[in-house]
N, C-alpha and C. Protein backbone atom coordinates (compact mmCIF):
# COMPACT_ATOMS: atom_id res chain seq x y z
N UNK A 1 145.54 95.05 113.43
CA UNK A 1 144.97 94.53 112.22
C UNK A 1 144.12 93.31 112.57
N UNK A 2 142.96 93.19 111.93
CA UNK A 2 142.10 92.03 112.11
C UNK A 2 142.08 91.22 110.83
N UNK A 3 142.11 89.90 111.00
CA UNK A 3 142.02 89.01 109.84
C UNK A 3 140.92 87.99 110.09
N UNK A 4 140.35 87.48 109.02
CA UNK A 4 139.37 86.42 109.09
C UNK A 4 140.06 85.13 108.69
N UNK A 5 139.88 84.07 109.49
CA UNK A 5 140.48 82.80 109.16
C UNK A 5 139.42 81.71 109.12
N UNK A 6 139.60 80.81 108.18
CA UNK A 6 138.79 79.61 108.09
C UNK A 6 139.73 78.46 108.41
N UNK A 7 139.38 77.66 109.42
CA UNK A 7 140.27 76.63 109.93
C UNK A 7 139.79 75.24 109.51
N UNK A 8 140.73 74.43 109.03
CA UNK A 8 140.47 73.02 108.71
C UNK A 8 141.36 72.21 109.64
N UNK A 9 140.77 71.46 110.56
CA UNK A 9 141.52 70.67 111.53
C UNK A 9 141.75 69.26 111.00
N UNK A 10 142.58 68.50 111.70
CA UNK A 10 142.91 67.11 111.36
C UNK A 10 143.48 66.97 109.96
N UNK A 11 144.25 67.95 109.51
CA UNK A 11 144.89 67.89 108.19
C UNK A 11 146.21 67.13 108.28
N UNK A 12 146.71 66.74 107.13
CA UNK A 12 147.99 66.02 107.07
C UNK A 12 149.17 66.94 107.39
N UNK A 13 149.01 68.25 107.11
CA UNK A 13 150.11 69.18 107.35
C UNK A 13 149.58 70.53 107.80
N UNK A 14 150.49 71.35 108.35
CA UNK A 14 150.15 72.73 108.71
C UNK A 14 150.40 73.59 107.49
N UNK A 15 149.43 74.45 107.18
CA UNK A 15 149.59 75.32 106.02
C UNK A 15 148.72 76.56 106.17
N UNK A 16 149.25 77.70 105.70
CA UNK A 16 148.49 78.94 105.68
C UNK A 16 148.35 79.36 104.22
N UNK A 17 147.12 79.52 103.76
CA UNK A 17 146.86 79.99 102.40
C UNK A 17 146.17 81.35 102.49
N UNK A 18 146.77 82.34 101.84
CA UNK A 18 146.18 83.68 101.83
C UNK A 18 145.14 83.73 100.72
N UNK A 19 143.88 84.03 101.08
CA UNK A 19 142.79 84.09 100.12
C UNK A 19 142.66 85.51 99.56
N UNK A 20 142.70 86.48 100.45
CA UNK A 20 142.66 87.89 100.06
C UNK A 20 143.48 88.69 101.08
N UNK A 21 143.36 90.00 101.02
CA UNK A 21 144.18 90.86 101.87
C UNK A 21 144.08 90.54 103.36
N UNK A 22 142.88 90.21 103.83
CA UNK A 22 142.72 89.93 105.26
C UNK A 22 141.97 88.61 105.52
N UNK A 23 141.98 87.70 104.54
CA UNK A 23 141.30 86.43 104.71
C UNK A 23 142.27 85.28 104.42
N UNK A 24 142.27 84.29 105.33
CA UNK A 24 143.19 83.17 105.24
C UNK A 24 142.47 81.84 105.44
N UNK A 25 142.96 80.80 104.78
CA UNK A 25 142.51 79.43 105.01
C UNK A 25 143.69 78.74 105.68
N UNK A 26 143.45 78.14 106.84
CA UNK A 26 144.53 77.56 107.62
C UNK A 26 144.24 76.08 107.90
N UNK A 27 145.23 75.26 107.59
CA UNK A 27 145.14 73.82 107.80
C UNK A 27 145.98 73.47 109.02
N UNK A 28 145.36 72.74 109.96
CA UNK A 28 146.03 72.37 111.22
C UNK A 28 146.03 70.87 111.39
N UNK A 29 147.07 70.35 112.04
CA UNK A 29 147.18 68.91 112.29
C UNK A 29 146.31 68.46 113.46
N UNK A 30 146.18 69.31 114.47
CA UNK A 30 145.49 68.95 115.71
C UNK A 30 143.97 68.89 115.53
N UNK A 31 143.33 68.17 116.45
CA UNK A 31 141.87 68.11 116.48
C UNK A 31 141.34 69.28 117.33
N UNK A 32 140.06 69.62 117.15
CA UNK A 32 139.51 70.74 117.92
C UNK A 32 139.23 70.41 119.39
N UNK A 33 139.48 69.18 119.80
CA UNK A 33 139.21 68.79 121.18
C UNK A 33 140.18 69.44 122.16
N UNK A 34 139.68 69.81 123.31
CA UNK A 34 140.47 70.39 124.42
C UNK A 34 141.27 71.62 123.99
N UNK A 35 140.75 72.38 123.04
CA UNK A 35 141.37 73.65 122.60
C UNK A 35 142.71 73.45 121.90
N UNK A 36 143.05 72.21 121.53
CA UNK A 36 144.34 71.91 120.91
C UNK A 36 144.51 72.64 119.58
N UNK A 37 143.46 72.68 118.76
CA UNK A 37 143.56 73.35 117.45
C UNK A 37 143.76 74.85 117.61
N UNK A 38 143.08 75.47 118.56
CA UNK A 38 143.25 76.91 118.79
C UNK A 38 144.67 77.24 119.24
N UNK A 39 145.24 76.40 120.08
CA UNK A 39 146.61 76.62 120.54
C UNK A 39 147.58 76.50 119.36
N UNK A 40 147.37 75.47 118.54
CA UNK A 40 148.21 75.29 117.34
C UNK A 40 148.04 76.48 116.39
N UNK A 41 146.82 76.94 116.21
CA UNK A 41 146.53 78.08 115.35
C UNK A 41 147.29 79.33 115.82
N UNK A 42 147.21 79.64 117.09
CA UNK A 42 147.87 80.83 117.63
C UNK A 42 149.39 80.75 117.48
N UNK A 43 149.96 79.57 117.74
CA UNK A 43 151.41 79.40 117.58
C UNK A 43 151.81 79.60 116.12
N UNK A 44 151.05 79.04 115.20
CA UNK A 44 151.35 79.15 113.77
C UNK A 44 151.25 80.60 113.30
N UNK A 45 150.21 81.30 113.73
CA UNK A 45 150.03 82.70 113.32
C UNK A 45 151.06 83.62 113.98
N UNK A 46 151.43 83.34 115.23
CA UNK A 46 152.50 84.10 115.89
C UNK A 46 153.77 84.04 115.06
N UNK A 47 154.11 82.85 114.61
CA UNK A 47 155.32 82.65 113.82
C UNK A 47 155.19 83.31 112.45
N UNK A 48 154.03 83.17 111.81
CA UNK A 48 153.81 83.72 110.47
C UNK A 48 153.89 85.24 110.44
N UNK A 49 153.22 85.89 111.38
CA UNK A 49 153.17 87.35 111.41
C UNK A 49 154.29 87.96 112.25
N UNK A 50 155.02 87.11 112.98
CA UNK A 50 156.08 87.57 113.88
C UNK A 50 155.54 88.64 114.84
N UNK A 51 154.34 88.36 115.36
CA UNK A 51 153.66 89.30 116.23
C UNK A 51 152.68 88.55 117.12
N UNK A 52 152.24 89.20 118.18
CA UNK A 52 151.26 88.61 119.08
C UNK A 52 149.89 88.56 118.41
N UNK A 53 149.21 87.41 118.52
CA UNK A 53 147.88 87.27 117.94
C UNK A 53 146.91 86.78 119.01
N UNK A 54 145.63 87.08 118.78
CA UNK A 54 144.59 86.73 119.76
C UNK A 54 143.29 86.44 119.01
N UNK A 55 142.58 85.40 119.44
CA UNK A 55 141.27 85.10 118.86
C UNK A 55 140.27 86.03 119.53
N UNK A 56 139.58 86.86 118.73
CA UNK A 56 138.60 87.77 119.34
C UNK A 56 137.16 87.32 119.08
N UNK A 57 136.97 86.41 118.12
CA UNK A 57 135.63 85.88 117.87
C UNK A 57 135.74 84.52 117.21
N UNK A 58 134.94 83.57 117.66
CA UNK A 58 134.87 82.26 117.02
C UNK A 58 135.74 81.20 117.65
N UNK A 59 135.94 81.23 118.95
CA UNK A 59 136.80 80.24 119.60
C UNK A 59 136.33 78.80 119.35
N UNK A 60 135.02 78.59 119.22
CA UNK A 60 134.51 77.23 119.01
C UNK A 60 134.01 77.03 117.58
N UNK A 61 134.33 77.94 116.70
CA UNK A 61 133.87 77.89 115.32
C UNK A 61 135.04 77.67 114.37
N UNK A 62 134.75 77.23 113.14
CA UNK A 62 135.78 77.10 112.12
C UNK A 62 136.13 78.45 111.50
N UNK A 63 135.21 79.39 111.61
CA UNK A 63 135.43 80.75 111.11
C UNK A 63 135.79 81.62 112.31
N UNK A 64 136.94 82.26 112.27
CA UNK A 64 137.42 83.03 113.40
C UNK A 64 137.87 84.43 112.96
N UNK A 65 137.80 85.35 113.89
CA UNK A 65 138.38 86.68 113.68
C UNK A 65 139.57 86.77 114.62
N UNK A 66 140.72 87.08 114.03
CA UNK A 66 141.97 87.13 114.78
C UNK A 66 142.50 88.56 114.78
N UNK A 67 142.96 89.00 115.94
CA UNK A 67 143.60 90.33 116.02
C UNK A 67 145.11 90.11 116.04
N UNK A 68 145.78 90.75 115.09
CA UNK A 68 147.23 90.72 115.03
C UNK A 68 147.73 92.06 115.58
N UNK A 69 148.55 91.98 116.61
CA UNK A 69 149.04 93.20 117.26
C UNK A 69 149.95 93.95 116.30
N UNK A 70 149.63 95.23 116.10
CA UNK A 70 150.47 96.10 115.27
C UNK A 70 151.59 96.66 116.12
N UNK A 71 152.78 96.58 115.59
CA UNK A 71 153.95 97.11 116.34
C UNK A 71 154.14 98.58 116.12
């Protein structure tokens, strides 16, 4: 399954908001420097979906396409 995520970094808290069936707005505490936000994003989504996730497009962008491994 592929999902589209819009990431907001440097937020006060971590939060996942579902916008539609495959679109999410995600708030992260970390800054985008040194890939810290992407690492936090992957950990948060791993926990949320209870599955392996991978960024397939948009590693340096606020808009990303994420692949969630189907079991």
